[in-house]
Amino acid sequence: MPTEAGGRKGEPELDRLSNILKTFNEQFGTLFTDTDRVAKRIREDIAPKVAADAAYQNAKENTPHTARMAHDRALAKVMQHLLTDDTQVYTQFVENESFKRFVADMVYAITNA
């Protein structure tokens, strides 16, 4: 009889998020005055809005390429709305290709789990 309880998923998620935050701070820590706020905004505000996008949800049932294209469109819409709330993050997303790629990859990983 197995002694370990199954279905436990919390630790890998926390580990992945802490690794994402570490990587984020290493790459972009000097771009922002409060990197934890930016990382939290991405994880708790941007990613859930992208995940809720109906077109993205439908595309996830298709090929990974189709899902990624729909994700990127949903992310662009969410970021456009962010312009009025957080111009610092929006500006970096639009002007800094490595930041844009990092955010897109991070949000895709979070929303495609």
PDB file of N, CA and C in Angstrom:
ATOM      1  N   MET A   1       0.837  -1.175   0.000  1.00  0.00           N
ATOM      2  CA  MET A   1       0.000   0.000   0.000  1.00  0.00           C
ATOM      3  C   MET A   1       0.890   1.248   0.000  1.00  0.00           C
ATOM      4  N   PRO A   2       0.658   2.185  -0.921  1.00  0.00           N
ATOM      5  CA  PRO A   2       1.500   3.402  -0.955  1.00  0.00           C
ATOM      6  C   PRO A   2       1.310   4.237   0.305  1.00  0.00           C
ATOM      7  N   THR A   3       2.404   4.832   0.743  1.00  0.00           N
ATOM      8  CA  THR A   3       2.352   5.665   1.944  1.00  0.00           C
ATOM      9  C   THR A   3       2.218   7.138   1.630  1.00  0.00           C
ATOM     10  N   GLU A   4       2.447   7.515   0.389  1.00  0.00           N
ATOM     11  CA  GLU A   4       2.350   8.935   0.022  1.00  0.00           C
ATOM     12  C   GLU A   4       0.951   9.261  -0.471  1.00  0.00           C
ATOM     13  N   ALA A   5       0.464  10.415  -0.099  1.00  0.00           N
ATOM     14  CA  ALA A   5      -0.840  10.877  -0.575  1.00  0.00           C
ATOM     15  C   ALA A   5      -0.683  11.438  -1.975  1.00  0.00           C
ATOM     16  N   GLY A   6      -1.583  11.118  -2.855  1.00  0.00           N
ATOM     17  CA  GLY A   6      -1.506  11.599  -4.233  1.00  0.00           C
ATOM     18  C   GLY A   6      -2.239  12.907  -4.410  1.00  0.00           C
ATOM     19  N   GLY A   7      -2.081  13.486  -5.579  1.00  0.00           N
ATOM     20  CA  GLY A   7      -2.808  14.681  -5.933  1.00  0.00           C
ATOM     21  C   GLY A   7      -2.263  15.969  -5.364  1.00  0.00           C
ATOM     22  N   ARG A   8      -1.137  15.932  -4.702  1.00  0.00           N
ATOM     23  CA  ARG A   8      -0.565  17.153  -4.140  1.00  0.00           C
ATOM     24  C   ARG A   8       0.175  17.915  -5.210  1.00  0.00           C
ATOM     25  N   LYS A   9      -0.223  19.146  -5.455  1.00  0.00           N
ATOM     26  CA  LYS A   9       0.345  19.904  -6.547  1.00  0.00           C
ATOM     27  C   LYS A   9       0.901  21.259  -6.124  1.00  0.00           C
ATOM     28  N   GLY A  10       0.715  21.684  -4.887  1.00  0.00           N
ATOM     29  CA  GLY A  10       1.081  23.021  -4.440  1.00  0.00           C
ATOM     30  C   GLY A  10       2.548  23.349  -4.520  1.00  0.00           C
ATOM     31  N   GLU A  11       3.417  22.479  -4.114  1.00  0.00           N
ATOM     32  CA  GLU A  11       4.841  22.805  -4.060  1.00  0.00           C
ATOM     33  C   GLU A  11       5.462  23.052  -5.425  1.00  0.00           C
ATOM     34  N   PRO A  12       5.218  22.190  -6.446  1.00  0.00           N
ATOM     35  CA  PRO A  12       5.809  22.495  -7.745  1.00  0.00           C
ATOM     36  C   PRO A  12       5.374  23.857  -8.284  1.00  0.00           C
ATOM     37  N   GLU A  13       4.110  24.225  -8.077  1.00  0.00           N
ATOM     38  CA  GLU A  13       3.624  25.536  -8.528  1.00  0.00           C
ATOM     39  C   GLU A  13       4.383  26.657  -7.833  1.00  0.00           C
ATOM     40  N   LEU A  14       4.549  26.544  -6.506  1.00  0.00           N
ATOM     41  CA  LEU A  14       5.289  27.569  -5.774  1.00  0.00           C
ATOM     42  C   LEU A  14       6.737  27.603  -6.215  1.00  0.00           C
ATOM     43  N   ASP A  15       7.323  26.446  -6.446  1.00  0.00           N
ATOM     44  CA  ASP A  15       8.703  26.389  -6.901  1.00  0.00           C
ATOM     45  C   ASP A  15       8.836  27.067  -8.257  1.00  0.00           C
ATOM     46  N   ARG A  16       7.904  26.782  -9.161  1.00  0.00           N
ATOM     47  CA  ARG A  16       7.958  27.390 -10.483  1.00  0.00           C
ATOM     48  C   ARG A  16       7.828  28.908 -10.379  1.00  0.00           C
ATOM     49  N   LEU A  17       6.917  29.386  -9.545  1.00  0.00           N
ATOM     50  CA  LEU A  17       6.733  30.829  -9.386  1.00  0.00           C
ATOM     51  C   LEU A  17       7.962  31.477  -8.761  1.00  0.00           C
ATOM     52  N   SER A  18       8.566  30.818  -7.777  1.00  0.00           N
ATOM     53  CA  SER A  18       9.758  31.410  -7.165  1.00  0.00           C
ATOM     54  C   SER A  18      10.910  31.440  -8.163  1.00  0.00           C
ATOM     55  N   ASN A  19      11.000  30.428  -9.020  1.00  0.00           N
ATOM     56  CA  ASN A  19      12.030  30.448 -10.060  1.00  0.00           C
ATOM     57  C   ASN A  19      11.759  31.544 -11.084  1.00  0.00           C
ATOM     58  N   ILE A  20      10.502  31.738 -11.407  1.00  0.00           N
ATOM     59  CA  ILE A  20      10.130  32.812 -12.335  1.00  0.00           C
ATOM     60  C   ILE A  20      10.507  34.164 -11.740  1.00  0.00           C
ATOM     61  N   LEU A  21      10.176  34.371 -10.464  1.00  0.00           N
ATOM     62  CA  LEU A  21      10.510  35.637  -9.815  1.00  0.00           C
ATOM     63  C   LEU A  21      12.020  35.849  -9.755  1.00  0.00           C
ATOM     64  N   LYS A  22      12.756  34.798  -9.457  1.00  0.00           N
ATOM     65  CA  LYS A  22      14.215  34.906  -9.402  1.00  0.00           C
ATOM     66  C   LYS A  22      14.767  35.309 -10.773  1.00  0.00           C
ATOM     67  N   THR A  23      14.306  34.622 -11.808  1.00  0.00           N
ATOM     68  CA  THR A  23      14.753  34.937 -13.163  1.00  0.00           C
ATOM     69  C   THR A  23      14.359  36.358 -13.548  1.00  0.00           C
ATOM     70  N   PHE A  24      13.125  36.734 -13.208  1.00  0.00           N
ATOM     71  CA  PHE A  24      12.655  38.083 -13.500  1.00  0.00           C
ATOM     72  C   PHE A  24      13.560  39.119 -12.841  1.00  0.00           C
ATOM     73  N   ASN A  25      13.827  38.947 -11.559  1.00  0.00           N
ATOM     74  CA  ASN A  25      14.670  39.906 -10.836  1.00  0.00           C
ATOM     75  C   ASN A  25      16.085  39.953 -11.386  1.00  0.00           C
ATOM     76  N   GLU A  26      16.620  38.805 -11.807  1.00  0.00           N
ATOM     77  CA  GLU A  26      17.958  38.782 -12.379  1.00  0.00           C
ATOM     78  C   GLU A  26      18.008  39.534 -13.706  1.00  0.00           C
ATOM     79  N   GLN A  27      16.972  39.377 -14.517  1.00  0.00           N
ATOM     80  CA  GLN A  27      16.969  39.992 -15.847  1.00  0.00           C
ATOM     81  C   GLN A  27      16.502  41.441 -15.857  1.00  0.00           C
ATOM     82  N   PHE A  28      15.523  41.773 -15.012  1.00  0.00           N
ATOM     83  CA  PHE A  28      14.874  43.075 -15.133  1.00  0.00           C
ATOM     84  C   PHE A  28      14.852  43.882 -13.852  1.00  0.00           C
ATOM     85  N   GLY A  29      15.569  43.451 -12.845  1.00  0.00           N
ATOM     86  CA  GLY A  29      15.535  44.116 -11.547  1.00  0.00           C
ATOM     87  C   GLY A  29      15.894  45.585 -11.586  1.00  0.00           C
ATOM     88  N   THR A  30      16.737  45.979 -12.511  1.00  0.00           N
ATOM     89  CA  THR A  30      17.147  47.381 -12.579  1.00  0.00           C
ATOM     90  C   THR A  30      16.186  48.238 -13.395  1.00  0.00           C
ATOM     91  N   LEU A  31      15.243  47.609 -14.083  1.00  0.00           N
ATOM     92  CA  LEU A  31      14.305  48.376 -14.909  1.00  0.00           C
ATOM     93  C   LEU A  31      13.165  48.970 -14.101  1.00  0.00           C
ATOM     94  N   PHE A  32      12.864  48.370 -12.962  1.00  0.00           N
ATOM     95  CA  PHE A  32      11.696  48.760 -12.200  1.00  0.00           C
ATOM     96  C   PHE A  32      12.083  49.152 -10.785  1.00  0.00           C
ATOM     97  N   THR A  33      11.320  50.065 -10.220  1.00  0.00           N
ATOM     98  CA  THR A  33      11.586  50.481  -8.844  1.00  0.00           C
ATOM     99  C   THR A  33      11.098  49.446  -7.846  1.00  0.00           C
ATOM    100  N   ASP A  34      10.122  48.635  -8.216  1.00  0.00           N
ATOM    101  CA  ASP A  34       9.569  47.631  -7.321  1.00  0.00           C
ATOM    102  C   ASP A  34       9.299  46.351  -8.111  1.00  0.00           C
ATOM    103  N   THR A  35      10.322  45.510  -8.251  1.00  0.00           N
ATOM    104  CA  THR A  35      10.187  44.316  -9.082  1.00  0.00           C
ATOM    105  C   THR A  35       9.162  43.332  -8.524  1.00  0.00           C
ATOM    106  N   ASP A  36       9.023  43.250  -7.211  1.00  0.00           N
ATOM    107  CA  ASP A  36       8.031  42.338  -6.640  1.00  0.00           C
ATOM    108  C   ASP A  36       6.617  42.754  -7.039  1.00  0.00           C
ATOM    109  N   ARG A  37       6.366  44.063  -7.078  1.00  0.00           N
ATOM    110  CA  ARG A  37       5.052  44.564  -7.495  1.00  0.00           C
ATOM    111  C   ARG A  37       4.797  44.200  -8.954  1.00  0.00           C
ATOM    112  N   VAL A  38       5.812  44.345  -9.790  1.00  0.00           N
ATOM    113  CA  VAL A  38       5.660  44.036 -11.210  1.00  0.00           C
ATOM    114  C   VAL A  38       5.404  42.540 -11.389  1.00  0.00           C
ATOM    115  N   ALA A  39       6.188  41.715 -10.714  1.00  0.00           N
ATOM    116  CA  ALA A  39       6.005  40.263 -10.820  1.00  0.00           C
ATOM    117  C   ALA A  39       4.626  39.855 -10.315  1.00  0.00           C
ATOM    118  N   LYS A  40       4.185  40.466  -9.229  1.00  0.00           N
ATOM    119  CA  LYS A  40       2.863  40.170  -8.681  1.00  0.00           C
ATOM    120  C   LYS A  40       1.785  40.600  -9.673  1.00  0.00           C
ATOM    121  N   ARG A  41       1.953  41.752 -10.301  1.00  0.00           N
ATOM    122  CA  ARG A  41       0.987  42.230 -11.302  1.00  0.00           C
ATOM    123  C   ARG A  41       0.880  41.221 -12.440  1.00  0.00           C
ATOM    124  N   ILE A  42       2.016  40.718 -12.895  1.00  0.00           N
ATOM    125  CA  ILE A  42       2.008  39.752 -13.991  1.00  0.00           C
ATOM    126  C   ILE A  42       1.305  38.469 -13.564  1.00  0.00           C
ATOM    127  N   ARG A  43       1.665  37.968 -12.413  1.00  0.00           N
ATOM    128  CA  ARG A  43       1.149  36.685 -11.938  1.00  0.00           C
ATOM    129  C   ARG A  43      -0.314  36.760 -11.512  1.00  0.00           C
ATOM    130  N   GLU A  44      -0.705  37.832 -10.818  1.00  0.00           N
ATOM    131  CA  GLU A  44      -2.036  37.880 -10.219  1.00  0.00           C
ATOM    132  C   GLU A  44      -3.051  38.726 -10.983  1.00  0.00           C
ATOM    133  N   ASP A  45      -2.597  39.529 -11.924  1.00  0.00           N
ATOM    134  CA  ASP A  45      -3.511  40.399 -12.667  1.00  0.00           C
ATOM    135  C   ASP A  45      -3.514  40.047 -14.157  1.00  0.00           C
ATOM    136  N   ILE A  46      -2.355  40.052 -14.760  1.00  0.00           N
ATOM    137  CA  ILE A  46      -2.266  39.829 -16.206  1.00  0.00           C
ATOM    138  C   ILE A  46      -2.599  38.385 -16.573  1.00  0.00           C
ATOM    139  N   ALA A  47      -1.933  37.425 -15.927  1.00  0.00           N
ATOM    140  CA  ALA A  47      -2.136  36.013 -16.284  1.00  0.00           C
ATOM    141  C   ALA A  47      -3.596  35.578 -16.138  1.00  0.00           C
ATOM    142  N   PRO A  48      -4.288  35.917 -15.044  1.00  0.00           N
ATOM    143  CA  PRO A  48      -5.698  35.496 -14.950  1.00  0.00           C
ATOM    144  C   PRO A  48      -6.586  36.109 -16.035  1.00  0.00           C
ATOM    145  N   LYS A  49      -6.310  37.347 -16.412  1.00  0.00           N
ATOM    146  CA  LYS A  49      -7.113  37.979 -17.470  1.00  0.00           C
ATOM    147  C   LYS A  49      -6.862  37.303 -18.811  1.00  0.00           C
ATOM    148  N   VAL A  50      -5.608  36.947 -19.076  1.00  0.00           N
ATOM    149  CA  VAL A  50      -5.293  36.228 -20.315  1.00  0.00           C
ATOM    150  C   VAL A  50      -5.966  34.859 -20.287  1.00  0.00           C
ATOM    151  N   ALA A  51      -5.867  34.170 -19.156  1.00  0.00           N
ATOM    152  CA  ALA A  51      -6.462  32.836 -19.027  1.00  0.00           C
ATOM    153  C   ALA A  51      -7.971  32.863 -19.237  1.00  0.00           C
ATOM    154  N   ALA A  52      -8.619  33.961 -18.884  1.00  0.00           N
ATOM    155  CA  ALA A  52     -10.070  34.082 -19.007  1.00  0.00           C
ATOM    156  C   ALA A  52     -10.529  34.426 -20.421  1.00  0.00           C
ATOM    157  N   ASP A  53      -9.613  34.770 -21.294  1.00  0.00           N
ATOM    158  CA  ASP A  53      -9.968  35.149 -22.661  1.00  0.00           C
ATOM    159  C   ASP A  53     -10.609  33.959 -23.385  1.00  0.00           C
ATOM    160  N   ALA A  54     -11.810  34.154 -23.882  1.00  0.00           N
ATOM    161  CA  ALA A  54     -12.571  33.062 -24.505  1.00  0.00           C
ATOM    162  C   ALA A  54     -11.865  32.489 -25.735  1.00  0.00           C
ATOM    163  N   ALA A  55     -11.314  33.348 -26.569  1.00  0.00           N
ATOM    164  CA  ALA A  55     -10.629  32.861 -27.768  1.00  0.00           C
ATOM    165  C   ALA A  55      -9.415  32.016 -27.403  1.00  0.00           C
ATOM    166  N   TYR A  56      -8.700  32.434 -26.374  1.00  0.00           N
ATOM    167  CA  TYR A  56      -7.547  31.659 -25.919  1.00  0.00           C
ATOM    168  C   TYR A  56      -7.994  30.318 -25.356  1.00  0.00           C
ATOM    169  N   GLN A  57      -9.068  30.311 -24.567  1.00  0.00           N
ATOM    170  CA  GLN A  57      -9.579  29.057 -24.011  1.00  0.00           C
ATOM    171  C   GLN A  57      -9.970  28.089 -25.127  1.00  0.00           C
ATOM    172  N   ASN A  58     -10.621  28.601 -26.155  1.00  0.00           N
ATOM    173  CA  ASN A  58     -11.004  27.751 -27.284  1.00  0.00           C
ATOM    174  C   ASN A  58      -9.774  27.253 -28.040  1.00  0.00           C
ATOM    175  N   ALA A  59      -8.795  28.104 -28.215  1.00  0.00           N
ATOM    176  CA  ALA A  59      -7.598  27.741 -28.968  1.00  0.00           C
ATOM    177  C   ALA A  59      -6.767  26.690 -28.252  1.00  0.00           C
ATOM    178  N   LYS A  60      -6.844  26.641 -26.946  1.00  0.00           N
ATOM    179  CA  LYS A  60      -6.094  25.635 -26.190  1.00  0.00           C
ATOM    180  C   LYS A  60      -6.537  24.225 -26.539  1.00  0.00           C
ATOM    181  N   GLU A  61      -7.727  24.086 -27.121  1.00  0.00           N
ATOM    182  CA  GLU A  61      -8.225  22.775 -27.543  1.00  0.00           C
ATOM    183  C   GLU A  61      -7.632  22.361 -28.887  1.00  0.00           C
ATOM    184  N   ASN A  62      -6.945  23.268 -29.554  1.00  0.00           N
ATOM    185  CA  ASN A  62      -6.344  22.995 -30.856  1.00  0.00           C
ATOM    186  C   ASN A  62      -4.857  22.720 -30.699  1.00  0.00           C
ATOM    187  N   THR A  63      -4.090  23.068 -31.686  1.00  0.00           N
ATOM    188  CA  THR A  63      -2.642  22.818 -31.656  1.00  0.00           C
ATOM    189  C   THR A  63      -1.949  23.794 -30.712  1.00  0.00           C
ATOM    190  N   PRO A  64      -0.779  23.420 -30.195  1.00  0.00           N
ATOM    191  CA  PRO A  64      -0.024  24.350 -29.346  1.00  0.00           C
ATOM    192  C   PRO A  64       0.293  25.667 -30.061  1.00  0.00           C
ATOM    193  N   HIS A  65       0.547  25.614 -31.355  1.00  0.00           N
ATOM    194  CA  HIS A  65       0.836  26.836 -32.115  1.00  0.00           C
ATOM    195  C   HIS A  65      -0.386  27.759 -32.129  1.00  0.00           C
ATOM    196  N   THR A  66      -1.558  27.192 -32.358  1.00  0.00           N
ATOM    197  CA  THR A  66      -2.795  27.979 -32.355  1.00  0.00           C
ATOM    198  C   THR A  66      -3.045  28.570 -30.977  1.00  0.00           C
ATOM    199  N   ALA A  67      -2.810  27.761 -29.944  1.00  0.00           N
ATOM    200  CA  ALA A  67      -2.995  28.249 -28.573  1.00  0.00           C
ATOM    201  C   ALA A  67      -2.045  29.405 -28.287  1.00  0.00           C
ATOM    202  N   ARG A  68      -0.804  29.291 -28.720  1.00  0.00           N
ATOM    203  CA  ARG A  68       0.171  30.358 -28.449  1.00  0.00           C
ATOM    204  C   ARG A  68      -0.202  31.639 -29.190  1.00  0.00           C
ATOM    205  N   MET A  69      -0.671  31.507 -30.408  1.00  0.00           N
ATOM    206  CA  MET A  69      -1.090  32.701 -31.158  1.00  0.00           C
ATOM    207  C   MET A  69      -2.262  33.394 -30.460  1.00  0.00           C
ATOM    208  N   ALA A  70      -3.238  32.624 -30.014  1.00  0.00           N
ATOM    209  CA  ALA A  70      -4.393  33.195 -29.314  1.00  0.00           C
ATOM    210  C   ALA A  70      -3.957  33.801 -27.985  1.00  0.00           C
ATOM    211  N   HIS A  71      -3.035  33.139 -27.320  1.00  0.00           N
ATOM    212  CA  HIS A  71      -2.483  33.666 -26.060  1.00  0.00           C
ATOM    213  C   HIS A  71      -1.845  35.023 -26.296  1.00  0.00           C
ATOM    214  N   ASP A  72      -1.010  35.118 -27.311  1.00  0.00           N
ATOM    215  CA  ASP A  72      -0.306  36.374 -27.575  1.00  0.00           C
ATOM    216  C   ASP A  72      -1.277  37.504 -27.905  1.00  0.00           C
ATOM    217  N   ARG A  73      -2.357  37.190 -28.627  1.00  0.00           N
ATOM    218  CA  ARG A  73      -3.379  38.211 -28.918  1.00  0.00           C
ATOM    219  C   ARG A  73      -4.089  38.634 -27.634  1.00  0.00           C
ATOM    220  N   ALA A  74      -4.428  37.653 -26.792  1.00  0.00           N
ATOM    221  CA  ALA A  74      -5.092  37.965 -25.517  1.00  0.00           C
ATOM    222  C   ALA A  74      -4.166  38.796 -24.631  1.00  0.00           C
ATOM    223  N   LEU A  75      -2.894  38.445 -24.599  1.00  0.00           N
ATOM    224  CA  LEU A  75      -1.924  39.194 -23.799  1.00  0.00           C
ATOM    225  C   LEU A  75      -1.803  40.630 -24.302  1.00  0.00           C
ATOM    226  N   ALA A  76      -1.776  40.820 -25.600  1.00  0.00           N
ATOM    227  CA  ALA A  76      -1.695  42.178 -26.158  1.00  0.00           C
ATOM    228  C   ALA A  76      -2.900  43.010 -25.736  1.00  0.00           C
ATOM    229  N   LYS A  77      -4.096  42.409 -25.745  1.00  0.00           N
ATOM    230  CA  LYS A  77      -5.295  43.129 -25.305  1.00  0.00           C
ATOM    231  C   LYS A  77      -5.205  43.508 -23.829  1.00  0.00           C
ATOM    232  N   VAL A  78      -4.772  42.568 -23.007  1.00  0.00           N
ATOM    233  CA  VAL A  78      -4.648  42.834 -21.573  1.00  0.00           C
ATOM    234  C   VAL A  78      -3.618  43.935 -21.332  1.00  0.00           C
ATOM    235  N   MET A  79      -2.514  43.875 -22.031  1.00  0.00           N
ATOM    236  CA  MET A  79      -1.464  44.875 -21.846  1.00  0.00           C
ATOM    237  C   MET A  79      -1.942  46.251 -22.305  1.00  0.00           C
ATOM    238  N   GLN A  80      -2.742  46.313 -23.339  1.00  0.00           N
ATOM    239  CA  GLN A  80      -3.282  47.597 -23.806  1.00  0.00           C
ATOM    240  C   GLN A  80      -4.119  48.247 -22.712  1.00  0.00           C
ATOM    241  N   HIS A  81      -4.912  47.447 -22.008  1.00  0.00           N
ATOM    242  CA  HIS A  81      -5.720  47.981 -20.903  1.00  0.00           C
ATOM    243  C   HIS A  81      -4.847  48.396 -19.724  1.00  0.00           C
ATOM    244  N   LEU A  82      -3.679  47.803 -19.632  1.00  0.00           N
ATOM    245  CA  LEU A  82      -2.766  48.106 -18.535  1.00  0.00           C
ATOM    246  C   LEU A  82      -2.144  49.499 -18.696  1.00  0.00           C
ATOM    247  N   LEU A  83      -2.191  50.036 -19.886  1.00  0.00           N
ATOM    248  CA  LEU A  83      -1.597  51.344 -20.167  1.00  0.00           C
ATOM    249  C   LEU A  83      -2.039  52.402 -19.163  1.00  0.00           C
ATOM    250  N   THR A  84      -3.305  52.421 -18.821  1.00  0.00           N
ATOM    251  CA  THR A  84      -3.785  53.444 -17.891  1.00  0.00           C
ATOM    252  C   THR A  84      -3.475  53.107 -16.433  1.00  0.00           C
ATOM    253  N   ASP A  85      -3.328  51.811 -16.114  1.00  0.00           N
ATOM    254  CA  ASP A  85      -3.092  51.396 -14.731  1.00  0.00           C
ATOM    255  C   ASP A  85      -1.614  51.344 -14.344  1.00  0.00           C
ATOM    256  N   ASP A  86      -0.766  50.940 -15.266  1.00  0.00           N
ATOM    257  CA  ASP A  86       0.642  50.723 -14.936  1.00  0.00           C
ATOM    258  C   ASP A  86       1.494  51.037 -16.156  1.00  0.00           C
ATOM    259  N   THR A  87       1.751  52.306 -16.374  1.00  0.00           N
ATOM    260  CA  THR A  87       2.479  52.718 -17.569  1.00  0.00           C
ATOM    261  C   THR A  87       3.906  52.193 -17.590  1.00  0.00           C
ATOM    262  N   GLN A  88       4.516  51.982 -16.426  1.00  0.00           N
ATOM    263  CA  GLN A  88       5.891  51.485 -16.386  1.00  0.00           C
ATOM    264  C   GLN A  88       5.977  50.074 -16.983  1.00  0.00           C
ATOM    265  N   VAL A  89       5.074  49.199 -16.592  1.00  0.00           N
ATOM    266  CA  VAL A  89       5.065  47.840 -17.127  1.00  0.00           C
ATOM    267  C   VAL A  89       4.687  47.864 -18.602  1.00  0.00           C
ATOM    268  N   TYR A  90       3.666  48.644 -18.954  1.00  0.00           N
ATOM    269  CA  TYR A  90       3.233  48.719 -20.344  1.00  0.00           C
ATOM    270  C   TYR A  90       4.363  49.229 -21.244  1.00  0.00           C
ATOM    271  N   THR A  91       5.042  50.266 -20.827  1.00  0.00           N
ATOM    272  CA  THR A  91       6.129  50.835 -21.627  1.00  0.00           C
ATOM    273  C   THR A  91       7.230  49.811 -21.863  1.00  0.00           C
ATOM    274  N   GLN A  92       7.625  49.097 -20.822  1.00  0.00           N
ATOM    275  CA  GLN A  92       8.652  48.073 -20.989  1.00  0.00           C
ATOM    276  C   GLN A  92       8.162  46.955 -21.914  1.00  0.00           C
ATOM    277  N   PHE A  93       6.901  46.597 -21.804  1.00  0.00           N
ATOM    278  CA  PHE A  93       6.342  45.543 -22.648  1.00  0.00           C
ATOM    279  C   PHE A  93       6.386  45.948 -24.120  1.00  0.00           C
ATOM    280  N   VAL A  94       6.089  47.190 -24.407  1.00  0.00           N
ATOM    281  CA  VAL A  94       6.040  47.664 -25.788  1.00  0.00           C
ATOM    282  C   VAL A  94       7.447  47.950 -26.342  1.00  0.00           C
ATOM    283  N   GLU A  95       8.328  48.481 -25.509  1.00  0.00           N
ATOM    284  CA  GLU A  95       9.627  48.949 -26.000  1.00  0.00           C
ATOM    285  C   GLU A  95      10.781  47.978 -25.792  1.00  0.00           C
ATOM    286  N   ASN A  96      10.654  47.031 -24.888  1.00  0.00           N
ATOM    287  CA  ASN A  96      11.753  46.138 -24.540  1.00  0.00           C
ATOM    288  C   ASN A  96      11.398  44.719 -24.989  1.00  0.00           C
ATOM    289  N   GLU A  97      11.969  44.291 -26.103  1.00  0.00           N
ATOM    290  CA  GLU A  97      11.616  42.998 -26.692  1.00  0.00           C
ATOM    291  C   GLU A  97      11.916  41.828 -25.755  1.00  0.00           C
ATOM    292  N   SER A  98      13.011  41.893 -25.009  1.00  0.00           N
ATOM    293  CA  SER A  98      13.321  40.782 -24.108  1.00  0.00           C
ATOM    294  C   SER A  98      12.327  40.728 -22.948  1.00  0.00           C
ATOM    295  N   PHE A  99      11.879  41.883 -22.466  1.00  0.00           N
ATOM    296  CA  PHE A  99      10.861  41.897 -21.420  1.00  0.00           C
ATOM    297  C   PHE A  99       9.540  41.357 -21.966  1.00  0.00           C
ATOM    298  N   LYS A 100       9.172  41.785 -23.158  1.00  0.00           N
ATOM    299  CA  LYS A 100       7.936  41.314 -23.779  1.00  0.00           C
ATOM    300  C   LYS A 100       7.967  39.796 -23.938  1.00  0.00           C
ATOM    301  N   ARG A 101       9.068  39.254 -24.431  1.00  0.00           N
ATOM    302  CA  ARG A 101       9.203  37.815 -24.616  1.00  0.00           C
ATOM    303  C   ARG A 101       9.136  37.082 -23.270  1.00  0.00           C
ATOM    304  N   PHE A 102       9.806  37.643 -22.244  1.00  0.00           N
ATOM    305  CA  PHE A 102       9.792  37.043 -20.917  1.00  0.00           C
ATOM    306  C   PHE A 102       8.375  37.002 -20.355  1.00  0.00           C
ATOM    307  N   VAL A 103       7.659  38.127 -20.433  1.00  0.00           N
ATOM    308  CA  VAL A 103       6.288  38.189 -19.924  1.00  0.00           C
ATOM    309  C   VAL A 103       5.395  37.218 -20.689  1.00  0.00           C
ATOM    310  N   ALA A 104       5.527  37.200 -22.003  1.00  0.00           N
ATOM    311  CA  ALA A 104       4.702  36.300 -22.809  1.00  0.00           C
ATOM    312  C   ALA A 104       4.957  34.845 -22.437  1.00  0.00           C
ATOM    313  N   ASP A 105       6.220  34.472 -22.297  1.00  0.00           N
ATOM    314  CA  ASP A 105       6.548  33.088 -21.931  1.00  0.00           C
ATOM    315  C   ASP A 105       6.053  32.753 -20.529  1.00  0.00           C
ATOM    316  N   MET A 106       6.218  33.695 -19.599  1.00  0.00           N
ATOM    317  CA  MET A 106       5.794  33.457 -18.223  1.00  0.00           C
ATOM    318  C   MET A 106       4.276  33.311 -18.148  1.00  0.00           C
ATOM    319  N   VAL A 107       3.553  34.211 -18.769  1.00  0.00           N
ATOM    320  CA  VAL A 107       2.085  34.155 -18.730  1.00  0.00           C
ATOM    321  C   VAL A 107       1.590  32.901 -19.450  1.00  0.00           C
ATOM    322  N   TYR A 108       2.222  32.528 -20.543  1.00  0.00           N
ATOM    323  CA  TYR A 108       1.823  31.322 -21.255  1.00  0.00           C
ATOM    324  C   TYR A 108       2.021  30.090 -20.374  1.00  0.00           C
ATOM    325  N   ALA A 109       3.148  30.032 -19.678  1.00  0.00           N
ATOM    326  CA  ALA A 109       3.412  28.897 -18.787  1.00  0.00           C
ATOM    327  C   ALA A 109       2.375  28.830 -17.671  1.00  0.00           C
ATOM    328  N   ILE A 110       2.013  29.977 -17.130  1.00  0.00           N
ATOM    329  CA  ILE A 110       1.035  30.015 -16.045  1.00  0.00           C
ATOM    330  C   ILE A 110      -0.358  29.617 -16.549  1.00  0.00           C
ATOM    331  N   THR A 111      -0.728  30.120 -17.708  1.00  0.00           N
ATOM    332  CA  THR A 111      -2.094  29.912 -18.203  1.00  0.00           C
ATOM    333  C   THR A 111      -2.274  28.604 -18.965  1.00  0.00           C
ATOM    334  N   ASN A 112      -1.204  27.962 -19.322  1.00  0.00           N
ATOM    335  CA  ASN A 112      -1.294  26.745 -20.108  1.00  0.00           C
ATOM    336  C   ASN A 112      -1.011  25.500 -19.274  1.00  0.00           C
ATOM    337  N   ALA A 113      -1.034  25.662 -17.970  1.00  0.00           N
ATOM    338  CA  ALA A 113      -0.732  24.518 -17.086  1.00  0.00           C
ATOM    339  C   ALA A 113      -1.872  23.544 -17.024  1.00  0.00           C
TER     340      ALA A 113
END
